[in-house]
Protein backbone atom coordinates (compact mmCIF):
# COMPACT_ATOMS: atom_id res chain seq x y z
CA MET A 1 135.70 84.68 70.79
CA PRO A 2 135.00 85.12 74.94
CA ASP A 3 131.59 85.00 75.90
CA VAL A 4 131.12 89.10 76.93
CA TRP A 5 128.21 88.33 78.97
CA GLN A 6 129.81 85.66 80.92
CA SER A 7 132.89 88.46 81.48
CA LEU A 8 130.24 90.94 82.52
CA ARG A 9 128.01 89.06 84.98
CA THR A 10 131.06 87.97 86.45
CA GLU A 11 132.52 91.50 86.72
CA MET A 12 129.24 92.30 88.33
CA ASP A 13 129.45 89.27 90.93
CA ARG A 14 132.73 90.60 92.21
CA LEU A 15 131.81 94.19 92.23
CA PHE A 16 128.60 93.11 94.30
CA ASP A 17 131.09 91.03 96.44
CA ARG A 18 133.57 93.65 97.15
CA PHE A 19 129.54 95.35 98.50
CA THR A 20 129.25 92.54 100.35
CA THR A 21 132.54 91.85 102.24
CA GLY A 22 131.84 91.79 105.92
CA SER A 23 128.40 93.02 105.91
CA GLY A 24 127.74 89.15 106.75
CA LEU A 25 125.75 88.40 103.55
CA PRO A 26 127.40 85.82 101.32
CA SER A 27 129.28 86.53 98.54
CA MET A 28 127.21 86.28 94.86
CA ARG A 29 129.41 83.44 93.34
CA SER A 30 129.32 81.29 96.56
CA MET A 31 125.57 81.65 96.54
CA ARG A 32 125.77 80.37 92.84
CA ARG A 33 128.06 77.62 93.49
CA MET A 34 125.85 76.51 96.47
CA PHE A 35 122.83 76.49 95.13
CA ASP A 36 123.67 76.56 91.24
CA MET A 37 121.21 79.28 90.39
CA GLU A 38 121.35 82.98 89.45
CA PRO A 39 122.13 85.43 92.21
CA LEU A 40 118.94 85.95 94.49
CA PHE A 41 120.01 89.11 96.16
CA ARG A 42 117.40 91.02 95.18
CA TRP A 43 117.17 94.91 95.57
CA ASP A 44 113.80 95.49 95.61
CA LEU A 45 113.79 92.84 98.92
CA ALA A 46 115.81 95.35 100.91
CA VAL A 47 113.16 97.13 102.49
CA MET A 48 109.85 96.77 104.13
CA PRO A 49 107.51 96.93 101.18
CA VAL A 50 104.27 98.30 101.22
CA PRO A 51 101.93 96.04 102.38
CA ALA A 52 98.87 94.72 99.93
CA MET A 53 95.59 96.72 100.82
CA ASP A 54 91.71 96.28 99.39
CA ILE A 55 89.31 98.59 99.49
CA ALA A 56 85.62 97.88 99.32
CA GLU A 57 82.33 99.77 99.45
CA ASP A 58 78.72 98.17 100.46
CA SER A 59 75.56 100.55 101.67
CA ALA A 60 76.76 100.43 105.13
CA GLY A 61 80.50 101.83 104.85
CA TYR A 62 84.00 101.24 103.32
CA LYS A 63 86.17 98.01 104.36
CA LEU A 64 89.85 98.06 103.96
CA SER A 65 91.51 95.03 103.96
CA ALA A 66 95.55 94.51 104.58
CA GLU A 67 97.91 91.75 104.30
CA LEU A 68 100.33 92.10 107.38
CA PRO A 69 102.23 88.37 107.90
CA GLY A 70 104.61 88.56 111.24
CA LEU A 71 103.19 90.98 112.73
CA THR A 72 100.98 91.13 115.85
CA GLU A 73 98.30 93.79 117.03
CA LYS A 74 101.13 95.55 118.64
CA ASP A 75 102.78 96.20 116.00
CA ILE A 76 100.49 98.25 114.12
CA GLU A 77 99.02 101.57 114.48
CA VAL A 78 96.14 102.79 113.17
CA ALA A 79 95.09 106.92 113.04
CA VAL A 80 93.04 109.64 111.71
CA ARG A 81 94.35 112.81 111.96
CA GLY A 82 91.73 115.44 110.07
CA ASP A 83 90.66 113.57 106.88
CA MET A 84 93.25 110.79 106.64
CA LEU A 85 93.36 107.48 107.89
CA THR A 86 97.24 106.53 108.39
CA ILE A 87 98.12 102.47 108.69
CA LYS A 88 101.72 102.07 110.16
CA GLY A 89 103.61 98.94 111.33
CA GLU A 90 106.86 97.26 112.17
CA LYS A 91 108.24 94.36 111.18
CA LYS A 92 110.99 93.54 113.83
CA GLU A 93 113.68 91.28 112.57
CA GLU A 94 114.57 88.33 114.97
CA SER A 95 117.82 88.31 116.20
CA GLU A 96 118.73 84.94 117.66
CA THR A 97 122.27 83.17 117.84
CA THR A 98 122.38 79.44 116.43
CA ASP A 99 125.82 77.46 115.41
CA THR A 100 123.75 77.45 111.73
CA GLU A 101 124.96 79.37 108.71
CA MET A 102 121.94 81.63 106.77
CA HIS A 103 122.70 81.20 103.31
CA LEU A 104 119.60 82.79 101.81
CA SER A 105 116.93 85.18 103.80
CA GLU A 106 114.22 86.49 101.88
CA ARG A 107 112.08 87.85 104.43
CA THR A 108 111.57 91.37 105.30
CA TYR A 109 112.17 93.76 107.66
CA GLY A 110 111.54 97.18 108.28
CA ALA A 111 108.99 100.12 109.25
CA PHE A 112 105.76 100.64 106.69
CA SER A 113 103.50 103.83 106.44
CA ARG A 114 100.27 104.52 104.26
CA SER A 115 97.77 106.76 103.99
CA PHE A 116 94.39 107.42 102.57
CA ALA A 117 91.80 110.52 101.97
CA LEU A 118 89.50 109.43 103.71
CA PRO A 119 85.53 110.22 101.87
CA GLU A 120 83.46 113.07 103.56
CA SER A 121 80.90 110.42 103.93
CA VAL A 122 82.85 108.31 106.93
CA GLU A 123 81.92 108.43 110.23
CA THR A 124 85.54 109.10 111.78
CA ASP A 125 84.38 108.78 115.16
CA LYS A 126 82.78 105.01 114.52
CA ILE A 127 86.10 103.86 112.54
CA ALA A 128 87.23 100.49 113.94
CA ALA A 129 89.99 97.73 113.40
CA VAL A 130 90.43 94.44 114.17
CA PHE A 131 93.79 92.22 113.28
CA ALA A 132 93.75 88.53 113.15
CA ASN A 133 95.49 85.80 111.11
CA GLY A 134 97.83 88.09 109.86
CA VAL A 135 94.95 90.21 108.15
CA LEU A 136 94.18 94.17 109.57
CA ILE A 137 90.13 94.90 108.34
CA VAL A 138 89.21 98.46 109.35
CA THR A 139 85.87 99.39 109.22
CA LEU A 140 84.40 102.65 107.79
CA PRO A 141 81.22 103.23 108.61
CA LYS A 142 79.34 105.81 105.97
CA THR A 143 77.44 108.94 107.66
CA LYS A 144 73.77 108.72 108.78
CA ALA A 145 73.06 111.21 105.71
CA ALA A 146 75.18 108.97 103.36
CA THR A 147 73.58 105.92 103.78
CA LEU A 148 70.28 107.53 103.55
CA GLU A 149 67.67 105.15 101.00
CA THR A 150 67.81 107.08 97.58
CA LYS A 151 64.34 107.54 95.63
CA THR A 152 64.50 106.82 91.87
CA ILE A 153 61.92 109.93 90.06
CA GLU A 154 61.12 108.60 87.13
CA VAL A 155 61.43 110.52 83.81
CA LYS A 156 58.59 110.47 81.73
CA ALA A 157 58.50 112.04 77.97
CA PRO A 158 55.93 114.86 77.63
CA GLU A 159 52.56 114.30 77.21
CA SER A 160 51.02 114.77 73.46
CA LYS A 161 48.63 117.78 73.44
CA PRO A 162 45.33 118.21 71.00
CA ALA A 163 46.18 120.55 67.68
CA GLU A 164 44.09 123.69 69.39
CA ALA A 165 46.78 123.76 72.33
CA LYS A 166 49.68 124.30 70.58
CA PRO A 167 51.42 127.46 70.75
CA ALA A 168 50.78 130.44 68.14
CA GLY A 169 52.54 130.27 64.76
CA LEU A 170 52.49 126.39 64.62
CA LYS A 171 49.65 125.06 61.81
CA ALA A 172 48.78 122.04 62.65
CA ALA A 173 49.78 119.31 60.45
CA ALA A 174 47.08 117.85 58.18
């Protein structure tokens, strides 16, 4: 009995080869022969992914960190409109003409945009952004009212009262 999975794989490779013919992308079969591995074309890498971001809070405010490798500060836009913070950027494909033939490229290019609803406690006029070593850090300070020290109120149990002070209708325990 022929290997059904190999037959399916061959048919899928042939289908993708027809799709990539003339696009400048190598064929699936030629890539597997060259590197002796599974096909490397992945649809999830075909568009610019949303950058990884972290948001942390302390008593003074919030700090948003975004990993943006391959970008410069000129490629990034940080904007506030109403209560929305938006971070946009674009990584442009480098186009150089060389005598080398590209066999594999997993780097991604394109535009991205990410928006966040800001808490009411953010002082939008004082938001700042710094970009260094491929990491964008956006500082979102809290308003004065949000940073006021919280006073803890002690919760006490009721004090015991003498038996004669009990409400009418209750008898003192004998």
